[in-house]
Amino acid sequence: MLKKYLTVAGESESEIVIQKSRFITYTKRTETEEEAQAFIQEIKKKHSSANHNCSAYMIGEHDLIQKANDDGEPSGTAGVPMLEVLKKQGLKDTTVVVTRYFGGIKLGGGGLIRAYGKSVTEGLKAAGIVERSLNRIMTSKMDYTWLGKVENEVRSSPYPLKEIHYLEDVAVETYVEEDEIDSFTAWMTELTNGQAVIEQGEMVYREQIVTE
């Protein structure tokens, strides 16, 4: 599992008009090629009367699955420039579909490359980009007398607060990156004078917005 990677925050739709042609960009996070293909077919069905529904996607930790489709546009003028935008921004598990309704003015090869590239760039801005970082959920259980101090310190620390469980003892859950577990444990132990019981939980990806 990758320690960190970038992907789109969610599903989005955006539109630009170039020389009277409408370019509508659909963006979605897809973690398998099946999800990517299903999304592409969904948009094609929605815009079955469009001139083109071009697509590109990057799937997998090491970008092993990369596909681009011009859907009738001149070879190399749509899908590839769309894919290049995904590569340039370093995005993983991302699918983009650009629907074009022809406006009567031909753009030429260079014009199409710029148009599809710009469409994806705008689509990604609409979707927002997140960084997903691999974290261990650390649970610190303690007497309620420690809660005020610990909560204040955690909120101003580099360890993001996940949740507080109000049980017989209070349990404070925090996100901690794998290489910081020892330093976090030492910090929490010192903070509570050794009164906290610190347990390691599951590994999860924590998302942080990079752009929106």
Foldseek 3Di string as FASTA:
>chain_A
DDQKAKAFQAWDWDWDADPQKIKIKIKGQAADVVRQVVVLVVVCVVPVVFPAWWKWAFYDPVSPDTDTGGRPDPPPQARVLLSVLCVVVRHYRMMMIITIHDRPDDLPSVRSSVVNNVNNVVRSLRRFMKMWGKWWKKKKWAAPVLVVQVVVVCVPDPWAWDDWDDDPTIITITTHRPVCVVVVVVVVCVSVVNGIDMDIHDIDIDIDTPHD
